[in-house]
Structure formats: structure tokens, C-alpha cells
Protein backbone atom coordinates (compact mmCIF):
# COMPACT_ATOMS: atom_id res chain seq x y z
CA MET A 1 23.52 34.89 10.20
CA GLU A 2 21.64 31.79 9.12
CA GLN A 3 22.62 28.43 10.60
CA PRO A 4 23.55 25.77 8.07
CA GLU A 5 21.27 22.76 8.13
CA PRO A 6 22.83 19.57 9.39
CA PRO A 7 23.40 16.90 6.75
CA GLU A 8 20.55 14.44 6.32
CA GLN A 9 20.95 11.22 8.22
CA PRO A 10 19.96 8.05 6.42
CA ALA A 11 16.96 6.28 7.92
CA PHE A 12 19.15 3.23 8.56
CA PRO A 13 22.70 4.38 9.20
CA HIS A 14 24.06 0.84 8.86
CA PRO A 15 22.84 -1.40 6.08
CA ILE A 16 21.58 -4.80 7.17
CA SER A 17 23.99 -7.55 6.15
CA PRO A 18 22.81 -10.48 4.00
CA LEU A 19 23.32 -12.71 7.05
CA GLU A 20 20.99 -10.59 9.20
CA GLN A 21 18.47 -10.34 6.35
CA ALA A 22 18.41 -14.14 6.06
CA LEU A 23 18.03 -14.57 9.82
CA HIS A 24 15.20 -12.02 10.00
CA ALA A 25 13.47 -13.69 7.05
CA ALA A 26 13.83 -17.14 8.63
CA ARG A 27 12.39 -15.84 11.91
CA ALA A 28 9.44 -14.26 10.09
CA LEU A 29 8.70 -17.37 8.01
CA VAL A 30 8.72 -19.74 10.96
CA ILE A 31 6.65 -17.39 13.11
CA ALA A 32 4.12 -17.11 10.26
CA ASP A 33 3.79 -20.91 10.29
CA LEU A 34 3.43 -20.95 14.07
CA VAL A 35 0.66 -18.33 13.79
CA ALA A 36 -1.03 -20.45 11.10
CA GLY A 37 -1.04 -23.37 13.53
CA ASP A 38 -2.25 -21.17 16.38
CA VAL A 39 0.80 -22.08 18.48
CA ALA A 40 2.73 -18.79 18.45
CA GLU A 41 2.76 -18.40 22.24
CA ALA A 42 5.61 -16.49 23.91
CA ASP A 43 7.48 -19.63 25.01
CA VAL A 44 7.26 -21.06 21.50
CA VAL A 45 8.50 -17.83 19.91
CA SER A 46 11.41 -18.03 22.36
CA LEU A 47 12.32 -21.33 20.71
CA VAL A 48 12.52 -19.50 17.38
CA GLU A 49 14.79 -16.87 18.93
CA ALA A 50 17.06 -19.55 20.41
CA SER A 51 17.37 -21.20 17.00
CA VAL A 52 18.15 -17.89 15.29
CA VAL A 53 20.97 -17.26 17.78
CA GLN A 54 22.38 -20.73 17.14
CA ARG A 55 22.06 -20.43 13.36
CA ARG A 56 23.70 -16.98 13.39
CA TRP A 57 26.86 -18.62 14.73
CA TRP A 58 26.49 -21.50 12.25
CA VAL A 59 26.25 -19.17 9.23
CA GLU A 60 29.11 -17.02 10.47
CA GLN A 61 31.22 -20.20 10.32
CA TRP A 62 29.83 -21.26 6.93
CA PRO A 63 28.63 -18.19 4.99
CA GLU A 64 27.66 -20.31 1.96
CA GLY A 65 24.92 -21.83 4.13
CA VAL A 66 22.98 -18.56 4.41
CA GLU A 67 20.34 -19.76 1.93
CA TYR A 68 19.63 -22.79 4.14
CA VAL A 69 18.80 -20.86 7.30
CA ALA A 70 14.99 -20.78 6.94
CA GLY A 71 14.72 -24.55 6.63
CA LEU A 72 17.14 -25.12 9.48
CA VAL A 73 15.31 -22.76 11.83
CA ALA A 74 12.02 -24.50 10.93
CA GLN A 75 13.59 -27.89 11.72
CA ASP A 76 15.10 -26.61 14.98
CA VAL A 77 11.73 -25.29 16.14
CA GLN A 78 9.98 -28.47 15.05
CA ASP A 79 12.47 -30.56 17.07
CA ALA A 80 12.17 -28.30 20.14
CA LEU A 81 8.36 -28.43 19.99
CA LEU A 82 8.42 -32.21 19.72
CA GLU A 83 10.47 -32.42 22.92
CA ARG A 84 8.17 -30.03 24.83
CA TYR A 85 4.67 -30.28 23.37
CA GLY A 86 4.35 -32.81 20.57
CA ARG A 87 4.39 -32.95 16.81
CA TRP A 88 4.21 -29.75 14.78
CA PRO A 89 3.02 -28.86 12.22
CA LEU A 90 0.37 -31.50 11.86
CA CYS A 91 -0.42 -32.63 8.34
CA PRO A 92 -3.50 -30.86 6.93
CA VAL A 93 -3.64 -33.24 3.94
CA CYS A 94 -4.28 -36.59 5.62
CA GLY A 95 -7.59 -36.41 7.44
CA ALA A 96 -7.81 -40.08 8.40
CA GLY A 97 -5.51 -42.13 10.58
CA ASP A 98 -3.03 -41.05 13.19
CA PRO A 99 -2.06 -37.40 13.17
CA HIS A 100 1.46 -36.94 11.88
CA ALA A 101 3.82 -34.03 11.42
CA LEU A 102 5.04 -32.56 8.19
CA ASP A 103 8.75 -32.62 7.40
CA VAL A 104 11.00 -29.92 5.96
CA GLU A 105 12.59 -30.68 2.60
CA PRO A 106 15.25 -30.36 1.58
CA GLU A 107 16.85 -31.02 4.95
CA LEU A 108 19.78 -28.84 3.94
CA GLY A 109 18.93 -26.71 0.94
CA ALA A 110 17.37 -23.58 -0.42
CA ASP A 111 13.61 -23.06 -0.88
CA PRO A 112 12.43 -25.25 2.03
CA HIS A 113 8.95 -26.75 1.94
CA TRP A 114 6.71 -28.60 4.36
CA VAL A 115 5.98 -32.04 2.92
CA CYS A 116 3.81 -34.97 3.87
CA HIS A 117 5.75 -38.18 3.33
CA LYS A 118 2.67 -40.29 3.97
CA ALA A 119 0.77 -38.74 1.05
CA GLY A 120 3.93 -37.91 -0.90
CA VAL A 121 3.03 -34.25 -1.47
CA LYS A 122 4.45 -30.79 -0.92
CA VAL A 123 2.05 -28.98 1.39
CA SER A 124 3.50 -25.46 1.37
CA ALA A 125 6.66 -23.42 1.43
CA VAL A 126 8.07 -22.73 4.88
CA GLY A 127 6.28 -19.53 5.92
CA SER A 128 3.11 -20.32 3.95
CA LEU A 129 1.35 -22.92 6.09
CA GLY A 130 -1.55 -20.50 6.54
CA SER A 131 -2.52 -20.97 2.90
CA ALA A 132 -2.54 -24.77 3.34
CA THR A 133 -4.39 -24.80 6.66
CA GLY A 134 -6.87 -22.00 6.09
CA GLY A 135 -4.89 -19.29 7.87
CA PRO A 136 -4.45 -18.50 11.55
CA GLY A 137 -6.25 -21.00 13.69
CA GLY A 138 -5.25 -23.96 11.57
CA GLY A 139 -8.27 -24.18 9.33
CA PRO A 140 -12.04 -24.04 9.42
CA GLY A 141 -13.57 -23.94 12.85
CA GLY A 142 -10.49 -23.60 14.55
CA SER A 143 -8.30 -23.13 17.39
CA GLY A 144 -5.36 -25.23 16.44
CA GLY A 145 -6.96 -27.30 13.72
CA SER A 146 -4.57 -29.32 11.64
CA GLY A 147 -1.65 -26.94 12.07
CA GLY A 148 -1.37 -27.11 15.85
CA ALA A 149 0.92 -29.21 17.98
CA ALA A 150 -0.26 -32.63 19.08
CA SER A 151 0.96 -34.52 22.09
CA SER A 152 3.00 -37.51 21.15
């Protein structure tokens, strides 16, 4: 007698919730920007993970804030890097004068961007710094270039 075939198992037995999708996307976007600045070392990526854990709790308390997670994780990592290493990401627009960091705008909103307040311009979407800095390595010639962290 022939054995019946077991029912097919879906590749992902449990669908990923919108919350987890947003957290995974935020992690990927911020790590892409860290790679663009050539600062994606293990201890720095750990800062991203710590922020994602914190923001998971935050969004569980306020589900309407799910669309703000990418900008908040970027800001969290930027603040943590400032405390440990210096400003990040450095502005690739302003070549002269003191190096300064980009800011995330809106501070609490969807579609976050890195902006230079000194020049008054949007530099790139969070997750797309590589296109503004010339890709991994922070630009031409570089290890770090304009996207790296600078001691304050």
C-alpha cells in the first residue's frame, strides 16, 4: 500500500507581523548607512540591535508609531555613537569648515531623511547614505571618508 504524502509545509509557518517587518527594515536601513560610512563594526551593530529591542517595546505600546521606527533607530544609533566615538554620519555636502553630523528629519515621522542643517539640504533617505557618499568606504579614496564617525 502506498503511503500518503504529508501535507506541504509553508516556507514560513508564521507570517511576519507588520511590527517585525518594520523593525527588520529599520535595522537594515541603519546598517546600510553604517556600511556606507565604513563604521559597521560588531560593537556598532550591537548598538543597532539594542535600539531595535528598545523600539520593539515602544511600538508595542504605541502601534501607530510603527512607521516612525526607522528614523528613531537611526537617531538612537547616532546618539549612542556620539557618546562612544563621535559624530556620525558626517556631512558629505559641506567640504569646508568643521566636520558636522547630519540630522534625521522628521524627528518623529515617516520617510526619514538625513539632512544638513548648515547647507539646508536633504542629503539622502535613511538607508541610502551610500548613494550620497559614494558607497561603502564613505566616498572616493576611502576608508571612512565623509560618512565615518569623527571624534568630538
